[in-house]
Protein backbone atom coordinates (compact mmCIF):
# COMPACT_ATOMS: atom_id res chain seq x y z
CA MET A 1 41.59 90.79 -72.02
CA ASN A 2 43.11 93.08 -69.47
CA LEU A 3 46.09 95.31 -70.39
CA LYS A 4 48.50 93.27 -68.16
CA LYS A 5 47.77 90.23 -70.12
CA THR A 6 48.28 91.80 -73.52
CA LEU A 7 51.40 93.57 -72.62
CA ALA A 8 52.80 90.06 -71.19
CA MET A 9 51.86 88.71 -74.54
CA VAL A 10 53.36 91.38 -76.35
CA ALA A 11 56.55 90.78 -74.43
CA GLY A 12 56.89 87.27 -74.85
CA LEU A 13 56.24 87.58 -78.60
CA THR A 14 59.16 90.03 -78.83
CA LEU A 15 61.61 87.80 -76.95
CA LEU A 16 60.52 84.88 -79.00
CA VAL A 17 61.25 86.73 -82.26
CA VAL A 18 64.55 88.00 -80.79
CA ALA A 19 65.57 84.58 -79.72
CA VAL A 20 64.79 83.13 -82.98
CA PHE A 21 66.94 85.91 -84.81
CA PHE A 22 69.74 85.31 -82.61
CA ALA A 23 69.57 81.56 -83.23
CA ALA A 24 69.49 81.88 -86.79
CA GLU A 25 72.69 84.16 -86.68
CA LEU A 26 74.35 81.71 -84.54
CA TYR A 27 73.72 78.89 -86.99
CA ASP A 28 74.93 80.93 -89.86
CA HIS A 29 78.60 80.24 -88.49
CA ARG A 30 81.11 77.90 -89.73
CA SER A 31 84.53 77.14 -88.73
CA ILE A 32 88.06 75.98 -90.24
CA SER A 33 90.14 74.19 -87.53
CA GLY A 34 93.77 73.02 -88.04
CA THR A 35 97.35 73.48 -87.25
CA ALA A 36 100.18 75.50 -88.29
CA ALA A 37 103.91 74.20 -88.16
CA TYR A 38 107.29 75.19 -89.62
CA ARG A 39 110.04 72.91 -90.22
CA GLU A 40 112.94 74.86 -88.69
CA ARG A 41 114.02 73.57 -85.09
CA ILE A 42 113.61 77.03 -83.61
CA VAL A 43 111.78 77.77 -80.51
CA LEU A 44 109.56 80.65 -80.35
CA PRO A 45 110.59 83.67 -78.23
CA ASP A 46 108.21 84.50 -75.47
CA GLY A 47 105.19 87.06 -76.68
CA CYS A 48 104.80 85.89 -80.01
CA ARG A 49 101.45 86.27 -81.70
CA PHE A 50 99.78 83.58 -84.05
CA ILE A 51 97.43 84.91 -86.69
CA VAL A 52 95.36 82.97 -89.14
CA ILE A 53 93.36 84.84 -91.89
CA LEU A 54 90.63 83.73 -94.39
CA SER A 55 90.72 85.90 -97.54
CA GLU A 56 89.03 86.12 -100.86
CA GLU A 57 91.36 86.10 -103.93
CA LYS A 58 89.83 88.89 -105.80
CA ASP A 59 91.24 90.94 -108.81
CA GLY A 60 94.92 89.64 -107.86
CA SER A 61 94.59 90.82 -104.30
CA ARG A 62 93.31 89.39 -101.04
CA VAL A 63 90.39 90.77 -99.46
CA PRO A 64 89.99 89.35 -95.54
CA VAL A 65 86.93 87.67 -94.82
CA ALA A 66 87.69 86.40 -91.15
CA SER A 67 90.70 86.09 -88.82
CA VAL A 68 91.68 84.55 -85.66
CA SER A 69 94.65 85.65 -83.69
CA ARG A 70 96.26 84.90 -80.11
CA ASN A 71 99.16 85.51 -78.13
CA LEU A 72 101.38 82.42 -77.65
CA GLU A 73 102.13 81.97 -73.90
CA GLY A 74 104.97 79.50 -74.46
CA GLU A 75 103.31 77.69 -77.00
CA GLN A 76 105.44 75.84 -79.65
CA VAL A 77 104.44 74.36 -82.99
CA PRO A 78 102.10 72.60 -84.17
CA LEU A 79 99.85 75.65 -83.25
CA SER A 80 96.23 74.68 -83.34
CA PHE A 81 93.36 77.27 -84.57
CA GLU A 82 89.89 77.49 -85.11
CA LEU A 83 88.80 80.05 -87.34
CA PHE A 84 84.85 81.16 -87.22
CA TYR A 85 83.42 82.96 -90.42
CA ARG A 86 79.69 83.72 -91.39
CA GLU A 87 78.67 81.24 -94.08
CA LYS A 88 76.93 83.87 -96.11
CA THR A 89 80.16 85.70 -96.88
CA ILE A 90 81.40 82.83 -98.97
CA LEU A 91 80.34 83.20 -102.22
CA GLU A 92 79.80 80.24 -104.72
CA GLY A 93 82.55 80.60 -107.72
CA ALA A 94 84.84 82.78 -105.62
CA VAL A 95 88.30 81.54 -104.42
CA TYR A 96 89.14 81.43 -100.82
CA SER A 97 92.38 80.71 -98.99
CA LEU A 98 94.07 80.62 -95.81
CA PHE A 99 97.07 82.70 -94.84
CA ALA A 100 99.01 82.41 -91.39
CA ARG A 101 101.70 84.02 -89.60
CA ILE A 102 103.72 84.52 -86.31
CA GLU A 103 104.94 87.98 -85.02
CA SER A 104 107.16 88.65 -82.57
CA GLY A 105 106.12 90.74 -79.45
CA THR A 106 107.30 93.65 -81.23
CA GLY A 107 105.36 93.05 -84.38
CA GLU A 108 108.28 91.71 -86.35
CA LEU A 109 107.29 89.10 -88.86
CA LEU A 110 108.86 85.63 -88.17
CA PHE A 111 107.14 83.03 -89.95
CA VAL A 112 104.66 83.31 -92.71
CA THR A 113 102.83 80.91 -95.48
CA LYS A 114 104.70 80.89 -98.60
CA ASP A 115 101.61 79.73 -100.74
CA PRO A 116 97.78 80.34 -100.14
CA VAL A 117 96.35 77.29 -98.46
CA PRO A 118 92.87 76.49 -99.89
CA ILE A 119 89.99 75.72 -97.41
CA PRO A 120 89.01 72.36 -97.07
CA LYS A 121 85.78 71.04 -99.02
CA ASP A 122 84.76 69.15 -96.12
CA ASP A 123 85.19 70.10 -92.47
CA GLU A 124 88.47 68.33 -92.43
CA PRO A 125 91.39 69.99 -90.57
CA VAL A 126 93.79 71.82 -92.52
CA GLU A 127 97.46 71.84 -92.01
CA ILE A 128 99.39 75.27 -92.74
CA MET A 129 103.10 74.99 -93.30
CA LEU A 130 105.01 78.42 -92.53
CA ILE A 131 108.41 79.43 -93.60
CA SER A 132 111.07 81.67 -92.00
CA VAL A 133 111.39 85.16 -93.17
CA ARG A 134 114.96 85.59 -92.14
């Protein structure tokens, strides 16, 4: 076998190994989707930020596992979200919850979840109810 063929074969095998690795990483992700809303009939001001956090409840504290956030460009409730997390970060027997918040453009907290929202058992959408902090 000549050197060019050997190098081409090694390069091809290397690309295959890298592709398999990245495919496994992509399939390791799961997602939680849903909406967040509040009861008050208040229009959100321009420049707000919407944040959803998946946390592990550990020793009386919350340890963030994953989060998603976005600037609300005139969007109003209900606000949809899709939060991606790595499946292997979820430990069997541990307790996980979702928390959401809406902040003003200056970072002032406007709305927040009062109680932890359990993650759904199946891939069902979750509804998060927010309350005003004012």
